[in-house]
Amino acid sequence: MRKLLLLTVAALAFIVFGDARSDIGLIAQANANTLVNPNTYQDLRWRSIGPTRGGRSTAAAGVRTQPNVFYMGATGGGVWKTENYGISWFPVSDGQIPTGSIGALEVADSNPNVVYAGSGSEAIRSNVIVGRGVYKSIDAGKTWQHVGLEKAGLVWDVVRVSPERLAAKAAS
C-alpha cells in the first residue's frame, strides 16, 4: 500500500511540475554538430596521472601509514612509485629486477619500507613477459633483492605475512 501511495505521489508531481531537467539544461545535446563554448573549459589544466611508459598496470599497493605513497607494477615497465598522491611517478626497479613485468606488489603492514614485487604478467596474453620470481626491498624501493620463486614464471599474488607470525618465527 505504501509503495502504491509513493508511486502515485511521484507520478502526480511529474505531471504537475513537468520534466524539471529541461528547465535547467541537463538534457544531452540533441545535435552532435553543436559547438561548445571554449570558455566552459578555460580553467581546466592538463596533468599526467601516471607514468609515461610501462604498459598495462597489473599491480598496485599503497602505504597505509603514508597516504601519499603508492607503488604501481606494469606489464613491461617495472615498479613505479609516487610520493605525492600520483601527481608524479618515478621508476624504482630499473636495472635491479631483470624483467619489466610485474604481477604483484605488497607493502608490509609492519614496516612501510618493506615492499615485495612478484614478477611476471598476471594475465595470460599473447605478449606475456615471463617473470623471474619474487623481489624484496627493505628501503622503500631504492634497492631490490631476489628472494625466491625464480622459475615460477608468473607471480600474480604475494603472500601477506602478519607481524605476529614474523615475531613468533624470530623468537623460535
Protein backbone atom coordinates (compact mmCIF):
# COMPACT_ATOMS: atom_id res chain seq x y z
CA MET A 1 0.00 0.00 0.00
CA ARG A 2 2.82 2.38 0.92
CA LYS A 3 4.63 1.73 -2.38
CA LEU A 4 1.47 2.46 -4.34
CA LEU A 5 1.00 5.75 -2.47
CA LEU A 6 4.61 6.81 -3.14
CA LEU A 7 4.31 5.91 -6.82
CA THR A 8 1.09 7.92 -7.11
CA VAL A 9 2.63 10.97 -5.44
CA ALA A 10 5.69 10.77 -7.72
CA ALA A 11 3.51 10.48 -10.84
CA LEU A 12 1.38 13.46 -9.78
CA ALA A 13 4.47 15.55 -9.06
CA PHE A 14 5.84 14.76 -12.51
CA ILE A 15 2.53 15.70 -14.15
CA VAL A 16 2.20 18.96 -12.18
CA PHE A 17 5.80 20.14 -12.35
CA GLY A 18 6.83 18.55 -15.65
CA ASP A 19 10.31 17.39 -16.53
CA ALA A 20 12.49 19.77 -14.50
CA ARG A 21 15.63 18.71 -16.37
CA SER A 22 14.63 20.71 -19.43
CA ASP A 23 14.39 23.87 -17.35
CA ILE A 24 17.94 23.66 -16.04
CA GLY A 25 19.73 22.38 -19.14
CA LEU A 26 20.53 18.82 -18.06
CA ILE A 27 19.29 17.13 -21.22
CA ALA A 28 22.04 15.78 -23.51
CA GLN A 29 22.72 17.74 -26.68
CA ALA A 30 20.35 16.73 -29.45
CA ASN A 31 22.66 17.88 -32.24
CA ALA A 32 26.20 16.48 -32.42
CA ASN A 33 27.27 19.48 -34.51
CA THR A 34 26.60 21.97 -31.73
CA LEU A 35 29.75 23.87 -30.82
CA VAL A 36 30.75 24.09 -27.18
CA ASN A 37 31.99 27.44 -25.94
CA PRO A 38 35.75 27.05 -25.19
CA ASN A 39 35.36 29.32 -22.16
CA THR A 40 33.48 26.47 -20.50
CA TYR A 41 36.79 24.62 -20.08
CA GLN A 42 39.22 27.53 -19.70
CA ASP A 43 40.12 26.71 -16.10
CA LEU A 44 40.97 23.06 -16.75
CA ARG A 45 44.68 22.19 -16.87
CA TRP A 46 46.32 19.09 -18.36
CA ARG A 47 48.25 16.89 -15.95
CA SER A 48 49.71 13.42 -16.18
CA ILE A 49 48.03 10.87 -13.96
CA GLY A 50 50.60 8.10 -14.26
CA PRO A 51 53.94 7.01 -15.64
CA THR A 52 54.77 7.96 -19.21
CA ARG A 53 55.67 4.37 -20.10
CA GLY A 54 55.17 0.91 -18.75
CA GLY A 55 52.21 -0.79 -20.38
CA ARG A 56 49.16 -2.02 -18.53
CA SER A 57 49.08 -1.56 -14.79
CA THR A 58 48.86 -5.02 -13.27
CA ALA A 59 49.56 -4.35 -9.60
CA ALA A 60 49.19 -1.52 -7.14
CA ALA A 61 49.89 -1.10 -3.45
CA GLY A 62 49.62 1.79 -1.04
CA VAL A 63 51.34 2.53 2.23
CA ARG A 64 48.73 2.55 4.96
CA THR A 65 50.62 4.98 7.21
CA GLN A 66 51.66 7.27 4.33
CA PRO A 67 48.55 8.10 2.28
CA ASN A 68 50.60 9.96 -0.33
CA VAL A 69 52.79 6.94 -1.23
CA PHE A 70 51.80 4.30 -3.80
CA TYR A 71 53.60 1.69 -5.89
CA MET A 72 52.44 0.54 -9.32
CA GLY A 73 53.59 -2.51 -11.26
CA ALA A 74 53.35 -2.64 -15.04
CA THR A 75 53.42 -5.43 -17.59
CA GLY A 76 56.51 -4.05 -19.26
CA GLY A 77 57.68 -1.11 -17.19
CA GLY A 78 58.70 -2.49 -13.81
CA VAL A 79 57.84 -0.93 -10.44
CA TRP A 80 56.95 2.76 -10.18
CA LYS A 81 56.48 4.90 -7.08
CA THR A 82 54.71 8.15 -6.25
CA GLU A 83 55.21 10.15 -3.09
CA ASN A 84 52.77 12.93 -3.96
CA TYR A 85 49.40 11.20 -4.38
CA GLY A 86 50.10 10.22 -8.01
CA ILE A 87 50.94 13.65 -9.37
CA SER A 88 54.34 12.37 -10.48
CA TRP A 89 55.82 8.87 -10.69
CA PHE A 90 59.38 7.57 -10.89
CA PRO A 91 60.76 4.09 -11.64
CA VAL A 92 62.29 2.23 -8.70
CA SER A 93 63.18 -1.15 -10.19
CA ASP A 94 65.11 -0.22 -13.34
CA GLY A 95 68.38 -2.16 -13.54
CA GLN A 96 67.61 -4.19 -10.40
CA ILE A 97 64.80 -6.56 -11.38
CA PRO A 98 65.78 -8.44 -14.58
CA THR A 99 62.26 -8.29 -16.05
CA GLY A 100 59.96 -5.35 -16.59
CA SER A 101 56.84 -7.42 -15.99
CA ILE A 102 55.31 -7.06 -12.51
CA GLY A 103 52.28 -9.12 -11.49
CA ALA A 104 52.01 -8.37 -7.78
CA LEU A 105 53.03 -5.76 -5.21
CA GLU A 106 52.67 -5.72 -1.45
CA VAL A 107 53.82 -3.29 1.24
CA ALA A 108 54.34 -4.86 4.68
CA ASP A 109 51.90 -3.52 7.26
CA SER A 110 54.54 -3.88 9.94
CA ASN A 111 57.15 -1.80 8.11
CA PRO A 112 56.31 0.57 5.20
CA ASN A 113 59.90 0.31 3.93
CA VAL A 114 59.44 -3.39 3.11
CA VAL A 115 57.97 -3.92 -0.35
CA TYR A 116 57.54 -7.21 -2.22
CA ALA A 117 57.23 -7.47 -6.01
CA GLY A 118 56.13 -10.63 -7.81
CA SER A 119 57.38 -10.63 -11.39
CA GLY A 120 55.61 -11.88 -14.49
CA SER A 121 52.36 -10.70 -16.01
CA GLU A 122 49.27 -11.82 -14.10
CA ALA A 123 47.10 -12.13 -17.20
CA ILE A 124 47.92 -14.73 -19.84
CA ARG A 125 48.08 -12.95 -23.20
CA SER A 126 49.99 -13.32 -26.42
CA ASN A 127 52.57 -10.77 -25.28
CA VAL A 128 53.30 -12.02 -21.75
CA ILE A 129 56.74 -11.28 -20.34
CA VAL A 130 57.96 -14.14 -18.15
CA GLY A 131 58.80 -13.29 -14.57
CA ARG A 132 61.92 -14.11 -12.60
CA GLY A 133 60.47 -14.68 -9.14
CA VAL A 134 59.81 -12.51 -6.11
CA TYR A 135 61.88 -9.48 -5.12
CA LYS A 136 62.05 -7.63 -1.82
CA SER A 137 63.03 -4.08 -0.97
CA ILE A 138 63.80 -3.10 2.63
CA ASP A 139 64.39 0.57 1.83
CA ALA A 140 61.07 1.63 0.23
CA GLY A 141 62.07 0.60 -3.30
CA LYS A 142 65.59 2.02 -3.53
CA THR A 143 67.20 -1.43 -3.80
CA TRP A 144 65.78 -4.88 -4.56
CA GLN A 145 66.96 -8.41 -3.72
CA HIS A 146 65.74 -11.67 -5.25
CA VAL A 147 64.05 -13.79 -2.55
CA GLY A 148 62.80 -16.83 -4.45
CA LEU A 149 60.49 -18.49 -6.98
CA GLU A 150 62.87 -17.76 -9.87
CA LYS A 151 61.36 -20.45 -12.11
CA ALA A 152 57.70 -19.72 -11.29
CA GLY A 153 57.31 -17.65 -14.45
CA LEU A 154 54.25 -15.72 -13.29
CA VAL A 155 53.74 -14.41 -9.75
CA TRP A 156 50.41 -12.61 -9.59
CA ASP A 157 49.89 -12.57 -5.83
CA VAL A 158 52.23 -12.05 -2.90
CA VAL A 159 51.53 -13.85 0.37
CA ARG A 160 50.88 -11.49 3.25
CA VAL A 161 52.74 -12.28 6.44
CA SER A 162 51.41 -10.85 9.66
CA PRO A 163 53.77 -9.15 12.14
CA GLU A 164 52.67 -11.66 14.80
CA ARG A 165 53.83 -14.62 12.70
CA LEU A 166 57.13 -12.90 11.94
CA ALA A 167 57.70 -12.24 15.65
CA ALA A 168 56.86 -15.85 16.54
CA LYS A 169 59.25 -17.15 13.88
CA ALA A 170 62.04 -14.85 15.09
CA ALA A 171 61.52 -15.99 18.68
CA SER A 172 61.76 -19.71 17.81
